[in-house]
Amino acid sequence: MKMKLGVYLKETREKLSLTLREVEESTGISNAYLSQLENHKIANPSPSILHKLADHYNVSYLQLLELAGYPIPEIPNGNKQEAVVSSRIGNDFPNINKEEEGKLLEYLSFLRSRKQKK
């Protein structure tokens, strides 16, 4: 059985020892709304809400989208981490073109390869 979004959000928040009010202060999402999410009163939060929570909880944005019932496109090479980075690039830099996005992903791979060699 697939985990529900609310359960995942609540467990993640509790693992980080955060209160709903602390998350509200950091994200700007009201604690009442967060509580409704965690208690399954809101089934389909907007992608922008999920993005804020993914960043704050340091979890996969794609996973939150999937748990909320949004369709996740197939990833040709199976690299979900790259897809997450790509989705965040698109959200943070809406005017970036595909070539620039590709260059950023190449540079990220380069940085990671150098880190692994150390």
PDB file of N, CA and C in Angstrom:
ATOM      1  N   MET A   1       0.840  -1.190   0.000  1.00  0.00           N
ATOM      2  CA  MET A   1       0.000   0.000   0.000  1.00  0.00           C
ATOM      3  C   MET A   1       0.883   1.251   0.000  1.00  0.00           C
ATOM      4  N   LYS A   2       0.548   2.181  -0.844  1.00  0.00           N
ATOM      5  CA  LYS A   2       1.320   3.413  -0.978  1.00  0.00           C
ATOM      6  C   LYS A   2       1.067   4.326   0.227  1.00  0.00           C
ATOM      7  N   MET A   3       2.153   4.924   0.724  1.00  0.00           N
ATOM      8  CA  MET A   3       2.033   5.839   1.855  1.00  0.00           C
ATOM      9  C   MET A   3       1.232   7.069   1.446  1.00  0.00           C
ATOM     10  N   LYS A   4       0.470   7.590   2.378  1.00  0.00           N
ATOM     11  CA  LYS A   4      -0.299   8.799   2.119  1.00  0.00           C
ATOM     12  C   LYS A   4       0.581  10.014   2.363  1.00  0.00           C
ATOM     13  N   LEU A   5       0.303  11.071   1.604  1.00  0.00           N
ATOM     14  CA  LEU A   5       1.074  12.297   1.696  1.00  0.00           C
ATOM     15  C   LEU A   5       1.090  12.832   3.120  1.00  0.00           C
ATOM     16  N   GLY A   6      -0.071  12.895   3.764  1.00  0.00           N
ATOM     17  CA  GLY A   6      -0.155  13.449   5.113  1.00  0.00           C
ATOM     18  C   GLY A   6       0.700  12.700   6.118  1.00  0.00           C
ATOM     19  N   VAL A   7       0.683  11.378   6.031  1.00  0.00           N
ATOM     20  CA  VAL A   7       1.488  10.553   6.931  1.00  0.00           C
ATOM     21  C   VAL A   7       2.968  10.832   6.710  1.00  0.00           C
ATOM     22  N   TYR A   8       3.364  10.891   5.450  1.00  0.00           N
ATOM     23  CA  TYR A   8       4.766  11.145   5.117  1.00  0.00           C
ATOM     24  C   TYR A   8       5.212  12.518   5.625  1.00  0.00           C
ATOM     25  N   LEU A   9       4.381  13.541   5.397  1.00  0.00           N
ATOM     26  CA  LEU A   9       4.734  14.891   5.842  1.00  0.00           C
ATOM     27  C   LEU A   9       4.854  14.971   7.362  1.00  0.00           C
ATOM     28  N   LYS A  10       3.909  14.352   8.046  1.00  0.00           N
ATOM     29  CA  LYS A  10       3.928  14.394   9.514  1.00  0.00           C
ATOM     30  C   LYS A  10       5.147  13.655  10.059  1.00  0.00           C
ATOM     31  N   GLU A  11       5.410  12.458   9.537  1.00  0.00           N
ATOM     32  CA  GLU A  11       6.567  11.690  10.000  1.00  0.00           C
ATOM     33  C   GLU A  11       7.868  12.435   9.727  1.00  0.00           C
ATOM     34  N   THR A  12       7.958  13.050   8.568  1.00  0.00           N
ATOM     35  CA  THR A  12       9.171  13.788   8.215  1.00  0.00           C
ATOM     36  C   THR A  12       9.354  14.985   9.139  1.00  0.00           C
ATOM     37  N   ARG A  13       8.286  15.728   9.365  1.00  0.00           N
ATOM     38  CA  ARG A  13       8.357  16.888  10.257  1.00  0.00           C
ATOM     39  C   ARG A  13       8.766  16.467  11.665  1.00  0.00           C
ATOM     40  N   GLU A  14       8.188  15.382  12.153  1.00  0.00           N
ATOM     41  CA  GLU A  14       8.502  14.914  13.500  1.00  0.00           C
ATOM     42  C   GLU A  14       9.941  14.407  13.605  1.00  0.00           C
ATOM     43  N   LYS A  15      10.443  13.754  12.557  1.00  0.00           N
ATOM     44  CA  LYS A  15      11.845  13.310  12.551  1.00  0.00           C
ATOM     45  C   LYS A  15      12.795  14.487  12.649  1.00  0.00           C
ATOM     46  N   LEU A  16      12.376  15.612  12.094  1.00  0.00           N
ATOM     47  CA  LEU A  16      13.192  16.826  12.141  1.00  0.00           C
ATOM     48  C   LEU A  16      12.948  17.626  13.423  1.00  0.00           C
ATOM     49  N   SER A  17      12.086  17.101  14.286  1.00  0.00           N
ATOM     50  CA  SER A  17      11.727  17.752  15.555  1.00  0.00           C
ATOM     51  C   SER A  17      11.209  19.172  15.347  1.00  0.00           C
ATOM     52  N   LEU A  18      10.342  19.320  14.366  1.00  0.00           N
ATOM     53  CA  LEU A  18       9.759  20.624  14.062  1.00  0.00           C
ATOM     54  C   LEU A  18       8.292  20.648  14.469  1.00  0.00           C
ATOM     55  N   THR A  19       7.839  21.797  14.943  1.00  0.00           N
ATOM     56  CA  THR A  19       6.418  21.990  15.195  1.00  0.00           C
ATOM     57  C   THR A  19       5.775  22.579  13.949  1.00  0.00           C
ATOM     58  N   LEU A  20       4.445  22.506  13.910  1.00  0.00           N
ATOM     59  CA  LEU A  20       3.736  23.103  12.779  1.00  0.00           C
ATOM     60  C   LEU A  20       4.001  24.610  12.715  1.00  0.00           C
ATOM     61  N   ARG A  21       4.081  25.243  13.855  1.00  0.00           N
ATOM     62  CA  ARG A  21       4.340  26.695  13.883  1.00  0.00           C
ATOM     63  C   ARG A  21       5.742  27.029  13.355  1.00  0.00           C
ATOM     64  N   GLU A  22       6.722  26.186  13.657  1.00  0.00           N
ATOM     65  CA  GLU A  22       8.077  26.420  13.142  1.00  0.00           C
ATOM     66  C   GLU A  22       8.109  26.288  11.623  1.00  0.00           C
ATOM     67  N   VAL A  23       7.390  25.298  11.101  1.00  0.00           N
ATOM     68  CA  VAL A  23       7.328  25.123   9.648  1.00  0.00           C
ATOM     69  C   VAL A  23       6.615  26.323   9.023  1.00  0.00           C
ATOM     70  N   GLU A  24       5.565  26.784   9.674  1.00  0.00           N
ATOM     71  CA  GLU A  24       4.846  27.970   9.188  1.00  0.00           C
ATOM     72  C   GLU A  24       5.778  29.180   9.108  1.00  0.00           C
ATOM     73  N   GLU A  25       6.547  29.403  10.158  1.00  0.00           N
ATOM     74  CA  GLU A  25       7.457  30.545  10.186  1.00  0.00           C
ATOM     75  C   GLU A  25       8.503  30.477   9.077  1.00  0.00           C
ATOM     76  N   SER A  26       8.970  29.286   8.788  1.00  0.00           N
ATOM     77  CA  SER A  26      10.025  29.115   7.785  1.00  0.00           C
ATOM     78  C   SER A  26       9.519  29.102   6.350  1.00  0.00           C
ATOM     79  N   THR A  27       8.304  28.605   6.156  1.00  0.00           N
ATOM     80  CA  THR A  27       7.806  28.426   4.790  1.00  0.00           C
ATOM     81  C   THR A  27       6.728  29.426   4.385  1.00  0.00           C
ATOM     82  N   GLY A  28       6.066  30.030   5.372  1.00  0.00           N
ATOM     83  CA  GLY A  28       4.949  30.918   5.065  1.00  0.00           C
ATOM     84  C   GLY A  28       3.641  30.175   4.842  1.00  0.00           C
ATOM     85  N   ILE A  29       3.642  28.863   5.032  1.00  0.00           N
ATOM     86  CA  ILE A  29       2.427  28.054   4.895  1.00  0.00           C
ATOM     87  C   ILE A  29       1.784  27.985   6.280  1.00  0.00           C
ATOM     88  N   SER A  30       0.522  28.367   6.378  1.00  0.00           N
ATOM     89  CA  SER A  30      -0.111  28.441   7.696  1.00  0.00           C
ATOM     90  C   SER A  30      -0.113  27.078   8.390  1.00  0.00           C
ATOM     91  N   ASN A  31       0.007  27.119   9.726  1.00  0.00           N
ATOM     92  CA  ASN A  31       0.027  25.857  10.471  1.00  0.00           C
ATOM     93  C   ASN A  31      -1.316  25.145  10.362  1.00  0.00           C
ATOM     94  N   ALA A  32      -2.410  25.890  10.194  1.00  0.00           N
ATOM     95  CA  ALA A  32      -3.722  25.262  10.011  1.00  0.00           C
ATOM     96  C   ALA A  32      -3.751  24.462   8.699  1.00  0.00           C
ATOM     97  N   TYR A  33      -3.191  25.042   7.644  1.00  0.00           N
ATOM     98  CA  TYR A  33      -3.126  24.352   6.355  1.00  0.00           C
ATOM     99  C   TYR A  33      -2.238  23.107   6.461  1.00  0.00           C
ATOM    100  N   LEU A  34      -1.094  23.259   7.129  1.00  0.00           N
ATOM    101  CA  LEU A  34      -0.182  22.127   7.319  1.00  0.00           C
ATOM    102  C   LEU A  34      -0.868  21.010   8.087  1.00  0.00           C
ATOM    103  N   SER A  35      -1.610  21.370   9.110  1.00  0.00           N
ATOM    104  CA  SER A  35      -2.341  20.377   9.893  1.00  0.00           C
ATOM    105  C   SER A  35      -3.372  19.650   9.035  1.00  0.00           C
ATOM    106  N   GLN A  36      -4.082  20.407   8.195  1.00  0.00           N
ATOM    107  CA  GLN A  36      -5.057  19.789   7.299  1.00  0.00           C
ATOM    108  C   GLN A  36      -4.383  18.844   6.313  1.00  0.00           C
ATOM    109  N   LEU A  37      -3.194  19.216   5.836  1.00  0.00           N
ATOM    110  CA  LEU A  37      -2.436  18.324   4.946  1.00  0.00           C
ATOM    111  C   LEU A  37      -2.094  17.023   5.667  1.00  0.00           C
ATOM    112  N   GLU A  38      -1.561  17.157   6.872  1.00  0.00           N
ATOM    113  CA  GLU A  38      -1.126  15.983   7.632  1.00  0.00           C
ATOM    114  C   GLU A  38      -2.290  15.084   8.022  1.00  0.00           C
ATOM    115  N   ASN A  39      -3.475  15.661   8.166  1.00  0.00           N
ATOM    116  CA  ASN A  39      -4.651  14.883   8.585  1.00  0.00           C
ATOM    117  C   ASN A  39      -5.587  14.540   7.429  1.00  0.00           C
ATOM    118  N   HIS A  40      -5.076  14.628   6.218  1.00  0.00           N
ATOM    119  CA  HIS A  40      -5.781  14.202   5.002  1.00  0.00           C
ATOM    120  C   HIS A  40      -7.049  14.997   4.714  1.00  0.00           C
ATOM    121  N   LYS A  41      -7.141  16.218   5.218  1.00  0.00           N
ATOM    122  CA  LYS A  41      -8.297  17.077   4.925  1.00  0.00           C
ATOM    123  C   LYS A  41      -8.102  17.784   3.579  1.00  0.00           C
ATOM    124  N   ILE A  42      -6.843  17.948   3.179  1.00  0.00           N
ATOM    125  CA  ILE A  42      -6.508  18.529   1.870  1.00  0.00           C
ATOM    126  C   ILE A  42      -5.798  17.436   1.080  1.00  0.00           C
ATOM    127  N   ALA A  43      -6.402  17.051  -0.020  1.00  0.00           N
ATOM    128  CA  ALA A  43      -5.867  15.928  -0.789  1.00  0.00           C
ATOM    129  C   ALA A  43      -4.873  16.346  -1.868  1.00  0.00           C
ATOM    130  N   ASN A  44      -5.086  17.499  -2.474  1.00  0.00           N
ATOM    131  CA  ASN A  44      -4.250  17.910  -3.602  1.00  0.00           C
ATOM    132  C   ASN A  44      -3.670  19.303  -3.406  1.00  0.00           C
ATOM    133  N   PRO A  45      -2.629  19.412  -2.589  1.00  0.00           N
ATOM    134  CA  PRO A  45      -1.983  20.715  -2.431  1.00  0.00           C
ATOM    135  C   PRO A  45      -1.300  21.125  -3.738  1.00  0.00           C
ATOM    136  N   SER A  46      -1.106  22.400  -3.900  1.00  0.00           N
ATOM    137  CA  SER A  46      -0.479  22.881  -5.135  1.00  0.00           C
ATOM    138  C   SER A  46       0.986  22.462  -5.191  1.00  0.00           C
ATOM    139  N   PRO A  47       1.520  22.328  -6.393  1.00  0.00           N
ATOM    140  CA  PRO A  47       2.942  22.003  -6.527  1.00  0.00           C
ATOM    141  C   PRO A  47       3.851  23.019  -5.832  1.00  0.00           C
ATOM    142  N   SER A  48       3.445  24.285  -5.787  1.00  0.00           N
ATOM    143  CA  SER A  48       4.299  25.277  -5.125  1.00  0.00           C
ATOM    144  C   SER A  48       4.376  25.031  -3.622  1.00  0.00           C
ATOM    145  N   ILE A  49       3.289  24.595  -3.013  1.00  0.00           N
ATOM    146  CA  ILE A  49       3.299  24.232  -1.586  1.00  0.00           C
ATOM    147  C   ILE A  49       4.212  23.034  -1.384  1.00  0.00           C
ATOM    148  N   LEU A  50       4.073  22.047  -2.245  1.00  0.00           N
ATOM    149  CA  LEU A  50       4.907  20.845  -2.131  1.00  0.00           C
ATOM    150  C   LEU A  50       6.385  21.179  -2.314  1.00  0.00           C
ATOM    151  N   HIS A  51       6.666  22.108  -3.207  1.00  0.00           N
ATOM    152  CA  HIS A  51       8.057  22.508  -3.450  1.00  0.00           C
ATOM    153  C   HIS A  51       8.645  23.159  -2.204  1.00  0.00           C
ATOM    154  N   LYS A  52       7.885  24.047  -1.569  1.00  0.00           N
ATOM    155  CA  LYS A  52       8.353  24.687  -0.333  1.00  0.00           C
ATOM    156  C   LYS A  52       8.628  23.652   0.746  1.00  0.00           C
ATOM    157  N   LEU A  53       7.715  22.688   0.886  1.00  0.00           N
ATOM    158  CA  LEU A  53       7.892  21.657   1.912  1.00  0.00           C
ATOM    159  C   LEU A  53       9.074  20.747   1.583  1.00  0.00           C
ATOM    160  N   ALA A  54       9.239  20.396   0.314  1.00  0.00           N
ATOM    161  CA  ALA A  54      10.375  19.555  -0.084  1.00  0.00           C
ATOM    162  C   ALA A  54      11.688  20.251   0.250  1.00  0.00           C
ATOM    163  N   ASP A  55      11.768  21.534  -0.047  1.00  0.00           N
ATOM    164  CA  ASP A  55      12.982  22.287   0.277  1.00  0.00           C
ATOM    165  C   ASP A  55      13.205  22.355   1.775  1.00  0.00           C
ATOM    166  N   HIS A  56      12.149  22.659   2.512  1.00  0.00           N
ATOM    167  CA  HIS A  56      12.286  22.826   3.963  1.00  0.00           C
ATOM    168  C   HIS A  56      12.633  21.507   4.661  1.00  0.00           C
ATOM    169  N   TYR A  57      12.010  20.422   4.231  1.00  0.00           N
ATOM    170  CA  TYR A  57      12.251  19.112   4.844  1.00  0.00           C
ATOM    171  C   TYR A  57      13.433  18.381   4.219  1.00  0.00           C
ATOM    172  N   ASN A  58      13.976  18.955   3.150  1.00  0.00           N
ATOM    173  CA  ASN A  58      15.087  18.345   2.416  1.00  0.00           C
ATOM    174  C   ASN A  58      14.734  16.931   1.934  1.00  0.00           C
ATOM    175  N   VAL A  59      13.574  16.847   1.287  1.00  0.00           N
ATOM    176  CA  VAL A  59      13.096  15.586   0.722  1.00  0.00           C
ATOM    177  C   VAL A  59      12.835  15.784  -0.767  1.00  0.00           C
ATOM    178  N   SER A  60      12.552  14.712  -1.450  1.00  0.00           N
ATOM    179  CA  SER A  60      12.337  14.742  -2.891  1.00  0.00           C
ATOM    180  C   SER A  60      11.026  15.434  -3.268  1.00  0.00           C
ATOM    181  N   TYR A  61      11.154  16.463  -4.073  1.00  0.00           N
ATOM    182  CA  TYR A  61       9.977  17.151  -4.598  1.00  0.00           C
ATOM    183  C   TYR A  61       9.140  16.198  -5.455  1.00  0.00           C
ATOM    184  N   LEU A  62       9.796  15.390  -6.261  1.00  0.00           N
ATOM    185  CA  LEU A  62       9.064  14.435  -7.096  1.00  0.00           C
ATOM    186  C   LEU A  62       8.282  13.442  -6.251  1.00  0.00           C
ATOM    187  N   GLN A  63       8.859  13.022  -5.145  1.00  0.00           N
ATOM    188  CA  GLN A  63       8.152  12.081  -4.280  1.00  0.00           C
ATOM    189  C   GLN A  63       6.895  12.726  -3.695  1.00  0.00           C
ATOM    190  N   LEU A  64       6.997  13.984  -3.280  1.00  0.00           N
ATOM    191  CA  LEU A  64       5.820  14.669  -2.751  1.00  0.00           C
ATOM    192  C   LEU A  64       4.755  14.833  -3.835  1.00  0.00           C
ATOM    193  N   LEU A  65       5.185  15.180  -5.040  1.00  0.00           N
ATOM    194  CA  LEU A  65       4.227  15.276  -6.148  1.00  0.00           C
ATOM    195  C   LEU A  65       3.515  13.946  -6.366  1.00  0.00           C
ATOM    196  N   GLU A  66       4.279  12.879  -6.357  1.00  0.00           N
ATOM    197  CA  GLU A  66       3.710  11.552  -6.578  1.00  0.00           C
ATOM    198  C   GLU A  66       2.735  11.174  -5.459  1.00  0.00           C
ATOM    199  N   LEU A  67       3.116  11.429  -4.208  1.00  0.00           N
ATOM    200  CA  LEU A  67       2.234  11.127  -3.081  1.00  0.00           C
ATOM    201  C   LEU A  67       0.947  11.943  -3.117  1.00  0.00           C
ATOM    202  N   ALA A  68       1.025  13.147  -3.690  1.00  0.00           N
ATOM    203  CA  ALA A  68      -0.155  14.011  -3.810  1.00  0.00           C
ATOM    204  C   ALA A  68      -1.030  13.618  -5.001  1.00  0.00           C
ATOM    205  N   GLY A  69      -0.562  12.667  -5.800  1.00  0.00           N
ATOM    206  CA  GLY A  69      -1.362  12.188  -6.922  1.00  0.00           C
ATOM    207  C   GLY A  69      -1.071  12.847  -8.249  1.00  0.00           C
ATOM    208  N   TYR A  70      -0.023  13.653  -8.313  1.00  0.00           N
ATOM    209  CA  TYR A  70       0.341  14.282  -9.580  1.00  0.00           C
ATOM    210  C   TYR A  70       1.091  13.267 -10.445  1.00  0.00           C
ATOM    211  N   PRO A  71       0.838  13.271 -11.754  1.00  0.00           N
ATOM    212  CA  PRO A  71       1.560  12.337 -12.628  1.00  0.00           C
ATOM    213  C   PRO A  71       3.040  12.724 -12.724  1.00  0.00           C
ATOM    214  N   ILE A  72       3.886  11.730 -12.629  1.00  0.00           N
ATOM    215  CA  ILE A  72       5.324  11.936 -12.724  1.00  0.00           C
ATOM    216  C   ILE A  72       5.774  11.367 -14.062  1.00  0.00           C
ATOM    217  N   PRO A  73       6.418  12.177 -14.881  1.00  0.00           N
ATOM    218  CA  PRO A  73       6.848  11.684 -16.193  1.00  0.00           C
ATOM    219  C   PRO A  73       7.922  10.599 -16.056  1.00  0.00           C
ATOM    220  N   GLU A  74       7.950   9.732 -17.038  1.00  0.00           N
ATOM    221  CA  GLU A  74       8.996   8.710 -17.078  1.00  0.00           C
ATOM    222  C   GLU A  74      10.344   9.386 -17.248  1.00  0.00           C
ATOM    223  N   ILE A  75      11.337   8.847 -16.592  1.00  0.00           N
ATOM    224  CA  ILE A  75      12.682   9.400 -16.673  1.00  0.00           C
ATOM    225  C   ILE A  75      13.497   8.451 -17.545  1.00  0.00           C
ATOM    226  N   PRO A  76      13.912   8.910 -18.729  1.00  0.00           N
ATOM    227  CA  PRO A  76      14.565   8.023 -19.695  1.00  0.00           C
ATOM    228  C   PRO A  76      15.747   7.246 -19.139  1.00  0.00           C
ATOM    229  N   ASN A  77      16.650   7.895 -18.434  1.00  0.00           N
ATOM    230  CA  ASN A  77      17.828   7.184 -17.942  1.00  0.00           C
ATOM    231  C   ASN A  77      17.655   6.694 -16.516  1.00  0.00           C
ATOM    232  N   GLY A  78      16.465   6.892 -15.943  1.00  0.00           N
ATOM    233  CA  GLY A  78      16.185   6.387 -14.613  1.00  0.00           C
ATOM    234  C   GLY A  78      16.824   7.182 -13.489  1.00  0.00           C
ATOM    235  N   ASN A  79      17.403   8.327 -13.781  1.00  0.00           N
ATOM    236  CA  ASN A  79      18.077   9.112 -12.754  1.00  0.00           C
ATOM    237  C   ASN A  79      17.095  10.103 -12.141  1.00  0.00           C
ATOM    238  N   LYS A  80      16.427   9.681 -11.050  1.00  0.00           N
ATOM    239  CA  LYS A  80      15.436  10.535 -10.406  1.00  0.00           C
ATOM    240  C   LYS A  80      16.075  11.773  -9.803  1.00  0.00           C
ATOM    241  N   GLN A  81      17.275  11.631  -9.264  1.00  0.00           N
ATOM    242  CA  GLN A  81      17.932  12.781  -8.646  1.00  0.00           C
ATOM    243  C   GLN A  81      18.145  13.881  -9.674  1.00  0.00           C
ATOM    244  N   GLU A  82      18.563  13.501 -10.860  1.00  0.00           N
ATOM    245  CA  GLU A  82      18.749  14.486 -11.927  1.00  0.00           C
ATOM    246  C   GLU A  82      17.418  15.133 -12.283  1.00  0.00           C
ATOM    247  N   ALA A  83      16.349  14.349 -12.291  1.00  0.00           N
ATOM    248  CA  ALA A  83      15.030  14.905 -12.600  1.00  0.00           C
ATOM    249  C   ALA A  83      14.589  15.890 -11.525  1.00  0.00           C
ATOM    250  N   VAL A  84      14.897  15.592 -10.272  1.00  0.00           N
ATOM    251  CA  VAL A  84      14.558  16.510  -9.181  1.00  0.00           C
ATOM    252  C   VAL A  84      15.312  17.817  -9.360  1.00  0.00           C
ATOM    253  N   VAL A  85      16.607  17.717  -9.637  1.00  0.00           N
ATOM    254  CA  VAL A  85      17.417  18.926  -9.849  1.00  0.00           C
ATOM    255  C   VAL A  85      16.851  19.707 -11.029  1.00  0.00           C
ATOM    256  N   SER A  86      16.518  19.003 -12.083  1.00  0.00           N
ATOM    257  CA  SER A  86      15.975  19.648 -13.265  1.00  0.00           C
ATOM    258  C   SER A  86      14.664  20.361 -12.951  1.00  0.00           C
ATOM    259  N   SER A  87      13.803  19.724 -12.167  1.00  0.00           N
ATOM    260  CA  SER A  87      12.527  20.361 -11.829  1.00  0.00           C
ATOM    261  C   SER A  87      12.749  21.587 -10.956  1.00  0.00           C
ATOM    262  N   ARG A  88      13.721  21.524 -10.058  1.00  0.00           N
ATOM    263  CA  ARG A  88      14.001  22.681  -9.204  1.00  0.00           C
ATOM    264  C   ARG A  88      14.615  23.816 -10.017  1.00  0.00           C
ATOM    265  N   ILE A  89      15.472  23.481 -10.977  1.00  0.00           N
ATOM    266  CA  ILE A  89      16.054  24.516 -11.839  1.00  0.00           C
ATOM    267  C   ILE A  89      14.921  25.237 -12.565  1.00  0.00           C
ATOM    268  N   GLY A  90      13.987  24.470 -13.116  1.00  0.00           N
ATOM    269  CA  GLY A  90      12.865  25.059 -13.833  1.00  0.00           C
ATOM    270  C   GLY A  90      12.009  25.945 -12.952  1.00  0.00           C
ATOM    271  N   ASN A  91      11.816  25.553 -11.693  1.00  0.00           N
ATOM    272  CA  ASN A  91      11.009  26.361 -10.777  1.00  0.00           C
ATOM    273  C   ASN A  91      11.745  27.615 -10.344  1.00  0.00           C
ATOM    274  N   ASP A  92      13.038  27.493 -10.061  1.00  0.00           N
ATOM    275  CA  ASP A  92      13.799  28.623  -9.550  1.00  0.00           C
ATOM    276  C   ASP A  92      14.224  29.595 -10.645  1.00  0.00           C
ATOM    277  N   PHE A  93      14.372  29.086 -11.858  1.00  0.00           N
ATOM    278  CA  PHE A  93      14.803  29.912 -12.984  1.00  0.00           C
ATOM    279  C   PHE A  93      13.851  29.681 -14.161  1.00  0.00           C
ATOM    280  N   PRO A  94      12.654  30.282 -14.107  1.00  0.00           N
ATOM    281  CA  PRO A  94      11.654  29.986 -15.140  1.00  0.00           C
ATOM    282  C   PRO A  94      12.056  30.391 -16.555  1.00  0.00           C
ATOM    283  N   ASN A  95      13.033  31.285 -16.697  1.00  0.00           N
ATOM    284  CA  ASN A  95      13.427  31.737 -18.038  1.00  0.00           C
ATOM    285  C   ASN A  95      14.613  30.966 -18.604  1.00  0.00           C
ATOM    286  N   ILE A  96      15.052  29.930 -17.922  1.00  0.00           N
ATOM    287  CA  ILE A  96      16.205  29.159 -18.394  1.00  0.00           C
ATOM    288  C   ILE A  96      15.776  28.280 -19.581  1.00  0.00           C
ATOM    289  N   ASN A  97      16.667  28.159 -20.559  1.00  0.00           N
ATOM    290  CA  ASN A  97      16.329  27.292 -21.693  1.00  0.00           C
ATOM    291  C   ASN A  97      16.950  25.906 -21.475  1.00  0.00           C
ATOM    292  N   LYS A  98      16.586  24.968 -22.321  1.00  0.00           N
ATOM    293  CA  LYS A  98      17.033  23.578 -22.161  1.00  0.00           C
ATOM    294  C   LYS A  98      18.554  23.442 -22.248  1.00  0.00           C
ATOM    295  N   GLU A  99      19.167  24.219 -23.134  1.00  0.00           N
ATOM    296  CA  GLU A  99      20.630  24.157 -23.277  1.00  0.00           C
ATOM    297  C   GLU A  99      21.307  24.599 -21.978  1.00  0.00           C
ATOM    298  N   GLU A 100      20.832  25.700 -21.402  1.00  0.00           N
ATOM    299  CA  GLU A 100      21.404  26.195 -20.150  1.00  0.00           C
ATOM    300  C   GLU A 100      21.179  25.198 -19.013  1.00  0.00           C
ATOM    301  N   GLU A 101      19.986  24.615 -18.979  1.00  0.00           N
ATOM    302  CA  GLU A 101      19.682  23.605 -17.969  1.00  0.00           C
ATOM    303  C   GLU A 101      20.633  22.410 -18.096  1.00  0.00           C
ATOM    304  N   GLY A 102      20.871  21.981 -19.320  1.00  0.00           N
ATOM    305  CA  GLY A 102      21.792  20.875 -19.561  1.00  0.00           C
ATOM    306  C   GLY A 102      23.200  21.186 -19.079  1.00  0.00           C
ATOM    307  N   LYS A 103      23.642  22.408 -19.328  1.00  0.00           N
ATOM    308  CA  LYS A 103      24.981  22.825 -18.882  1.00  0.00           C
ATOM    309  C   LYS A 103      25.068  22.825 -17.354  1.00  0.00           C
ATOM    310  N   LEU A 104      24.023  23.289 -16.693  1.00  0.00           N
ATOM    311  CA  LEU A 104      24.008  23.272 -15.227  1.00  0.00           C
ATOM    312  C   LEU A 104      24.079  21.841 -14.684  1.00  0.00           C
ATOM    313  N   LEU A 105      23.334  20.940 -15.312  1.00  0.00           N
ATOM    314  CA  LEU A 105      23.360  19.538 -14.883  1.00  0.00           C
ATOM    315  C   LEU A 105      24.734  18.904 -15.138  1.00  0.00           C
ATOM    316  N   GLU A 106      25.361  19.252 -16.269  1.00  0.00           N
ATOM    317  CA  GLU A 106      26.724  18.761 -16.549  1.00  0.00           C
ATOM    318  C   GLU A 106      27.694  19.246 -15.487  1.00  0.00           C
ATOM    319  N   TYR A 107      27.585  20.522 -15.129  1.00  0.00           N
ATOM    320  CA  TYR A 107      28.481  21.086 -14.123  1.00  0.00           C
ATOM    321  C   TYR A 107      28.259  20.422 -12.764  1.00  0.00           C
ATOM    322  N   LEU A 108      27.014  20.160 -12.423  1.00  0.00           N
ATOM    323  CA  LEU A 108      26.706  19.473 -11.173  1.00  0.00           C
ATOM    324  C   LEU A 108      27.333  18.074 -11.161  1.00  0.00           C
ATOM    325  N   SER A 109      27.234  17.358 -12.265  1.00  0.00           N
ATOM    326  CA  SER A 109      27.862  16.037 -12.365  1.00  0.00           C
ATOM    327  C   SER A 109      29.371  16.139 -12.202  1.00  0.00           C
ATOM    328  N   PHE A 110      29.973  17.149 -12.814  1.00  0.00           N
ATOM    329  CA  PHE A 110      31.410  17.378 -12.693  1.00  0.00           C
ATOM    330  C   PHE A 110      31.790  17.610 -11.230  1.00  0.00           C
ATOM    331  N   LEU A 111      31.042  18.481 -10.546  1.00  0.00           N
ATOM    332  CA  LEU A 111      31.338  18.762  -9.136  1.00  0.00           C
ATOM    333  C   LEU A 111      31.218  17.512  -8.270  1.00  0.00           C
ATOM    334  N   ARG A 112      30.194  16.725  -8.535  1.00  0.00           N
ATOM    335  CA  ARG A 112      30.001  15.490  -7.764  1.00  0.00           C
ATOM    336  C   ARG A 112      31.110  14.480  -8.030  1.00  0.00           C
ATOM    337  N   SER A 113      31.579  14.406  -9.265  1.00  0.00           N
ATOM    338  CA  SER A 113      32.651  13.447  -9.581  1.00  0.00           C
ATOM    339  C   SER A 113      33.937  13.855  -8.890  1.00  0.00           C
ATOM    340  N   ARG A 114      34.206  15.146  -8.807  1.00  0.00           N
ATOM    341  CA  ARG A 114      35.418  15.632  -8.116  1.00  0.00           C
ATOM    342  C   ARG A 114      35.309  15.340  -6.622  1.00  0.00           C
ATOM    343  N   LYS A 115      34.123  15.504  -6.073  1.00  0.00           N
ATOM    344  CA  LYS A 115      33.920  15.251  -4.642  1.00  0.00           C
ATOM    345  C   LYS A 115      34.141  13.783  -4.307  1.00  0.00           C
ATOM    346  N   GLN A 116      33.702  12.886  -5.196  1.00  0.00           N
ATOM    347  CA  GLN A 116      33.835  11.444  -4.969  1.00  0.00           C
ATOM    348  C   GLN A 116      35.304  11.000  -5.050  1.00  0.00           C
ATOM    349  N   LYS A 117      36.112  11.692  -5.845  1.00  0.00           N
ATOM    350  CA  LYS A 117      37.510  11.323  -6.005  1.00  0.00           C
ATOM    351  C   LYS A 117      38.351  11.687  -4.795  1.00  0.00           C
ATOM    352  N   LYS A 118      37.879  12.646  -4.014  1.00  0.00           N
ATOM    353  CA  LYS A 118      38.652  13.097  -2.837  1.00  0.00           C
ATOM    354  C   LYS A 118      38.616  12.121  -1.702  1.00  0.00           C
TER     355      LYS A 118
END
